[in-house]
N, C-alpha and C. Protein backbone atom coordinates (compact mmCIF):
# COMPACT_ATOMS: atom_id res chain seq x y z
N MET A 1 0.69 -1.04 0.21
CA MET A 1 -0.04 0.23 0.04
C MET A 1 0.79 1.31 -0.19
N ASN A 2 0.28 2.23 -0.56
CA ASN A 2 0.84 3.44 -0.58
C ASN A 2 1.09 4.20 0.89
N PRO A 3 2.56 4.58 1.19
CA PRO A 3 2.46 5.00 2.98
C PRO A 3 1.58 6.40 2.56
N ASP A 4 1.70 6.89 1.81
CA ASP A 4 0.99 8.29 1.56
C ASP A 4 -1.10 8.39 1.39
N HIS A 5 -1.28 7.19 1.48
CA HIS A 5 -2.48 6.86 1.19
C HIS A 5 -3.55 7.26 2.49
N PRO A 6 -4.63 7.68 2.62
CA PRO A 6 -5.29 8.35 3.85
C PRO A 6 -5.83 7.36 4.71
N LEU A 7 -5.71 6.28 4.13
CA LEU A 7 -6.24 4.97 5.36
C LEU A 7 -4.81 4.23 6.16
N GLU A 8 -3.95 4.56 5.20
CA GLU A 8 -2.15 4.07 6.36
C GLU A 8 -2.04 5.31 6.76
N THR A 9 -2.39 6.52 6.79
CA THR A 9 -1.88 7.49 7.17
C THR A 9 -2.82 7.34 9.11
N LEU A 10 -3.96 7.19 8.66
CA LEU A 10 -5.34 7.00 9.66
C LEU A 10 -4.75 6.12 10.83
N LEU A 11 -4.28 4.50 10.24
CA LEU A 11 -3.70 3.80 11.19
C LEU A 11 -2.68 3.75 11.75
N HIS A 12 -1.79 4.87 11.38
CA HIS A 12 -0.34 5.22 11.89
C HIS A 12 -0.59 6.38 13.34
N GLU A 13 -2.13 7.18 12.97
CA GLU A 13 -2.07 8.10 14.01
C GLU A 13 -3.11 7.14 14.86
N ALA A 14 -3.91 6.23 14.70
CA ALA A 14 -4.45 5.38 15.77
C ALA A 14 -3.53 4.92 16.26
N ALA A 15 -2.53 4.30 15.78
CA ALA A 15 -1.49 3.57 16.65
C ALA A 15 -0.82 3.94 17.46
N ARG A 16 -0.36 5.34 17.09
CA ARG A 16 0.16 6.25 18.05
C ARG A 16 -0.15 7.10 19.10
N PHE A 17 -1.89 6.71 18.93
CA PHE A 17 -2.80 7.44 19.68
C PHE A 17 -2.67 6.84 21.22
N ALA A 18 -2.78 7.59 22.35
CA ALA A 18 -2.72 7.04 23.74
C ALA A 18 -3.60 7.50 24.57
N PRO A 19 -4.75 7.20 24.45
CA PRO A 19 -5.38 8.23 25.24
C PRO A 19 -5.94 8.14 27.04
N PHE A 20 -4.71 7.12 27.41
CA PHE A 20 -4.93 7.27 28.91
C PHE A 20 -3.26 7.60 28.97
N GLY A 21 -2.22 8.34 28.34
CA GLY A 21 -1.36 8.74 28.34
C GLY A 21 -0.50 7.64 28.07
N GLU A 22 0.65 7.80 29.10
CA GLU A 22 1.82 6.82 28.56
C GLU A 22 1.56 5.54 28.80
N ALA A 23 2.29 4.46 27.78
CA ALA A 23 1.35 2.85 28.12
C ALA A 23 2.23 2.41 29.08
N GLY A 24 3.54 3.17 29.66
CA GLY A 24 4.17 2.30 30.66
C GLY A 24 3.84 2.81 31.98
N ASN A 25 2.29 3.64 32.02
CA ASN A 25 2.09 3.67 32.94
C ASN A 25 0.54 2.98 33.47
N PHE A 26 -0.20 2.23 32.20
CA PHE A 26 -1.11 1.08 32.10
C PHE A 26 -1.29 0.15 33.08
N GLY A 27 -2.08 0.06 33.67
CA GLY A 27 -2.08 -0.88 34.57
C GLY A 27 -0.73 -0.82 35.71
N PHE A 28 -0.59 0.24 36.14
CA PHE A 28 0.53 0.35 37.22
C PHE A 28 -0.55 -0.14 38.45
N GLU A 29 -1.42 -0.38 38.83
CA GLU A 29 -1.72 -1.07 40.34
C GLU A 29 -1.85 -2.54 39.87
N THR A 30 -2.08 -3.28 39.43
CA THR A 30 -2.18 -4.45 38.58
C THR A 30 -0.80 -5.06 38.83
N ARG A 31 0.18 -4.42 38.02
CA ARG A 31 1.59 -4.70 38.27
C ARG A 31 2.21 -4.55 39.90
N LEU A 32 1.78 -3.61 40.55
CA LEU A 32 2.13 -3.40 42.04
C LEU A 32 1.55 -4.29 42.57
N LEU A 33 -0.02 -4.66 42.45
CA LEU A 33 -0.33 -5.76 43.45
C LEU A 33 0.36 -6.97 43.24
N ALA A 34 0.83 -7.71 41.58
CA ALA A 34 1.45 -8.64 41.44
C ALA A 34 2.63 -8.41 42.11
N ALA A 35 3.33 -7.78 42.15
CA ALA A 35 4.76 -7.27 42.98
C ALA A 35 4.80 -7.57 44.35
N MET A 36 3.61 -6.92 44.98
CA MET A 36 3.80 -7.33 46.60
C MET A 36 3.18 -8.40 47.10
N ARG A 37 2.03 -9.17 45.97
CA ARG A 37 1.61 -10.84 46.48
C ARG A 37 3.43 -11.50 46.14
N SER A 38 4.10 -11.24 45.44
CA SER A 38 5.45 -11.96 45.09
C SER A 38 6.28 -11.76 46.36
N ALA A 39 6.26 -10.69 46.55
CA ALA A 39 7.05 -10.38 47.70
C ALA A 39 7.17 -11.50 49.12
N GLU A 40 8.10 -11.56 49.63
CA GLU A 40 7.88 -12.72 50.69
C GLU A 40 7.12 -11.45 52.30
N PRO A 41 6.15 -12.67 52.72
CA PRO A 41 5.55 -11.59 53.87
C PRO A 41 6.45 -11.23 55.11
N THR A 42 6.23 -9.95 55.61
CA THR A 42 7.25 -9.37 57.15
C THR A 42 6.27 -9.74 57.72
N LEU A 43 7.03 -9.69 59.16
CA LEU A 43 5.84 -9.61 60.90
C LEU A 43 5.11 -8.84 60.37
N THR A 44 5.00 -7.16 59.64
CA THR A 44 3.94 -6.29 60.14
C THR A 44 3.02 -6.66 59.48
N ASP A 45 3.18 -7.61 57.84
CA ASP A 45 2.20 -8.37 56.94
C ASP A 45 1.56 -9.12 57.70
N TRP A 46 2.00 -9.93 58.76
CA TRP A 46 0.99 -11.08 59.18
C TRP A 46 0.28 -10.41 60.55
N VAL A 47 1.05 -9.37 61.08
CA VAL A 47 0.33 -8.99 62.32
C VAL A 47 -1.08 -8.06 61.83
N SER A 48 -0.63 -7.29 60.46
CA SER A 48 -2.14 -6.66 59.99
C SER A 48 -3.39 -7.58 59.17
N ARG A 49 -2.57 -8.48 58.75
CA ARG A 49 -3.45 -9.67 58.16
C ARG A 49 -3.96 -10.02 59.66
N PHE A 50 -3.91 -10.76 60.25
CA PHE A 50 -4.64 -11.57 61.33
C PHE A 50 -5.29 -10.42 62.54
N SER A 51 -4.62 -9.36 63.02
CA SER A 51 -5.51 -8.22 63.91
C SER A 51 -7.05 -8.21 63.59
N TRP A 52 -7.61 -8.03 62.36
CA TRP A 52 -8.77 -7.55 62.20
C TRP A 52 -9.45 -8.77 62.00
N ARG A 53 -8.92 -9.97 61.60
CA ARG A 53 -9.67 -11.55 61.96
C ARG A 53 -10.04 -11.74 63.21
N PHE A 54 -8.88 -11.63 64.38
CA PHE A 54 -9.12 -11.87 65.87
C PHE A 54 -9.55 -10.46 66.63
N SER A 55 -9.68 -9.46 66.28
CA SER A 55 -10.49 -8.12 67.12
C SER A 55 -11.50 -8.88 67.91
N ALA A 56 -12.64 -9.78 66.75
CA ALA A 56 -13.94 -9.49 67.50
C ALA A 56 -13.52 -10.75 68.51
N ALA A 57 -12.54 -11.82 68.21
CA ALA A 57 -12.80 -12.94 69.30
C ALA A 57 -11.98 -12.27 70.23
N CYS A 58 -10.81 -11.78 70.57
CA CYS A 58 -9.67 -11.27 71.44
C CYS A 58 -10.84 -10.03 72.52
N LEU A 59 -11.73 -9.73 71.87
CA LEU A 59 -12.37 -8.51 73.05
C LEU A 59 -13.11 -9.14 74.17
N PRO A 60 -14.20 -9.86 73.73
CA PRO A 60 -14.78 -10.74 74.87
C PRO A 60 -13.32 -11.36 75.79
N VAL A 61 -12.65 -11.95 75.19
CA VAL A 61 -12.10 -12.48 75.98
C VAL A 61 -10.76 -11.61 76.86
N PHE A 62 -10.55 -10.23 76.43
CA PHE A 62 -9.77 -9.36 77.55
C PHE A 62 -10.65 -8.99 78.11
N ILE A 63 -11.65 -8.78 78.05
CA ILE A 63 -12.95 -8.05 78.76
C ILE A 63 -13.12 -9.42 79.84
N GLY A 64 -13.45 -10.80 79.76
CA GLY A 64 -13.50 -11.34 80.68
C GLY A 64 -11.95 -11.75 81.78
N ILE A 65 -10.96 -11.56 81.02
CA ILE A 65 -10.12 -11.60 81.98
C ILE A 65 -9.72 -10.27 83.01
N THR A 66 -10.23 -9.36 82.77
CA THR A 66 -10.16 -8.00 83.03
C THR A 66 -10.85 -8.14 84.43
N VAL A 67 -12.13 -8.69 83.94
CA VAL A 67 -12.97 -8.57 85.06
C VAL A 67 -12.92 -10.08 85.87
N PHE A 68 -12.03 -11.23 85.55
CA PHE A 68 -11.73 -12.29 86.45
C PHE A 68 -11.01 -11.47 87.52
N LEU A 69 -9.78 -10.90 86.98
CA LEU A 69 -8.59 -10.23 87.58
C LEU A 69 -9.45 -9.12 88.69
N LEU A 70 -9.94 -8.31 88.39
CA LEU A 70 -10.37 -7.36 89.28
C LEU A 70 -11.40 -7.97 90.25
N MET A 71 -11.96 -9.18 90.04
CA MET A 71 -12.90 -9.74 91.10
C MET A 71 -11.78 -10.34 91.89
N GLN A 72 -10.79 -10.73 91.71
CA GLN A 72 -9.77 -11.81 92.47
C GLN A 72 -9.46 -10.59 93.83
N HIS A 73 -9.54 -9.62 93.18
CA HIS A 73 -8.72 -8.39 94.29
C HIS A 73 -9.77 -7.57 95.09
N GLN A 74 -11.29 -8.19 94.67
CA GLN A 74 -12.07 -7.04 95.31
C GLN A 74 -12.57 -7.80 97.36
N THR A 75 -11.99 -6.48 97.64
CA THR A 75 -12.87 -6.82 99.37
C THR A 75 -13.34 -5.48 99.45
N LEU A 76 -14.57 -5.69 100.50
CA LEU A 76 -15.19 -4.77 101.04
C LEU A 76 -14.55 -3.90 102.27
N PRO A 77 -14.63 -2.88 102.17
CA PRO A 77 -14.09 -2.30 103.02
C PRO A 77 -14.68 -1.98 104.45
N GLU A 78 -14.12 -1.34 105.74
CA GLU A 78 -14.45 -2.10 106.90
C GLU A 78 -15.84 -1.20 107.12
N GLY A 79 -16.81 -2.08 107.76
CA GLY A 79 -18.39 -1.20 107.95
C GLY A 79 -18.93 -1.14 106.93
N VAL A 80 -18.52 -1.98 105.84
CA VAL A 80 -19.75 -1.87 104.78
C VAL A 80 -20.42 -3.04 104.70
N GLY A 81 -19.91 -4.34 105.26
CA GLY A 81 -20.68 -5.23 105.65
C GLY A 81 -22.22 -5.23 106.51
N GLY A 82 -22.07 -4.09 107.53
CA GLY A 82 -23.02 -4.54 108.29
C GLY A 82 -24.19 -3.32 107.57
N LEU A 83 -24.13 -2.43 106.52
CA LEU A 83 -24.42 -1.78 105.90
C LEU A 83 -25.44 -2.32 104.58
N MET A 84 -24.37 -3.20 103.73
CA MET A 84 -24.90 -4.23 102.37
C MET A 84 -25.89 -5.45 102.73
N THR A 85 -25.63 -5.64 104.20
CA THR A 85 -26.77 -6.82 104.91
C THR A 85 -28.16 -5.55 105.23
N HIS A 86 -28.32 -4.52 105.89
CA HIS A 86 -29.30 -3.73 106.01
C HIS A 86 -30.18 -3.79 104.74
N TRP A 87 -29.65 -2.91 103.89
CA TRP A 87 -30.39 -2.93 102.66
C TRP A 87 -30.47 -4.11 101.46
N MET A 88 -29.70 -5.48 101.72
CA MET A 88 -30.18 -6.36 100.89
C MET A 88 -31.38 -7.18 101.36
N ASP A 89 -32.09 -6.54 102.85
CA ASP A 89 -33.45 -7.60 102.82
C ASP A 89 -34.46 -6.39 102.19
N TYR A 90 -34.36 -5.50 100.76
CA TYR A 90 -34.96 -5.09 100.47
C TYR A 90 -35.22 -5.33 99.09
N LEU A 91 -34.26 -6.16 98.44
CA LEU A 91 -34.22 -6.83 97.66
C LEU A 91 -35.20 -7.40 97.28
N PRO A 92 -35.61 -7.59 95.86
CA PRO A 92 -36.73 -8.32 96.04
C PRO A 92 -36.64 -9.83 95.99
N PHE A 93 -34.97 -10.24 95.67
CA PHE A 93 -34.46 -11.70 95.02
C PHE A 93 -33.11 -11.57 96.44
N ALA A 94 -33.55 -13.40 96.83
CA ALA A 94 -32.69 -13.83 97.74
C ALA A 94 -30.56 -13.82 97.38
N ILE A 95 -30.06 -13.10 97.89
CA ILE A 95 -28.98 -13.15 97.78
C ILE A 95 -28.10 -14.34 98.75
């Protein structure tokens, strides 16, 4: 075909046209994600991966341990025992 033919000129212009910028930047996120997946995971990667998965399970366990430890050291001050027995008579259930 003749290089000066209008159809040939149109095809060359279409091949050079870059609607999204340079071709080297196209698919950058995909290449970055592939490079990150191929890298060896570090300690911070493991912590960030499992922290959200186990946060729902760790919160009740932490609250339970905290309550258990606080109840172990709970003692009544002097004079409070008689006051409590006086007011426990007004409760609708037996303690």
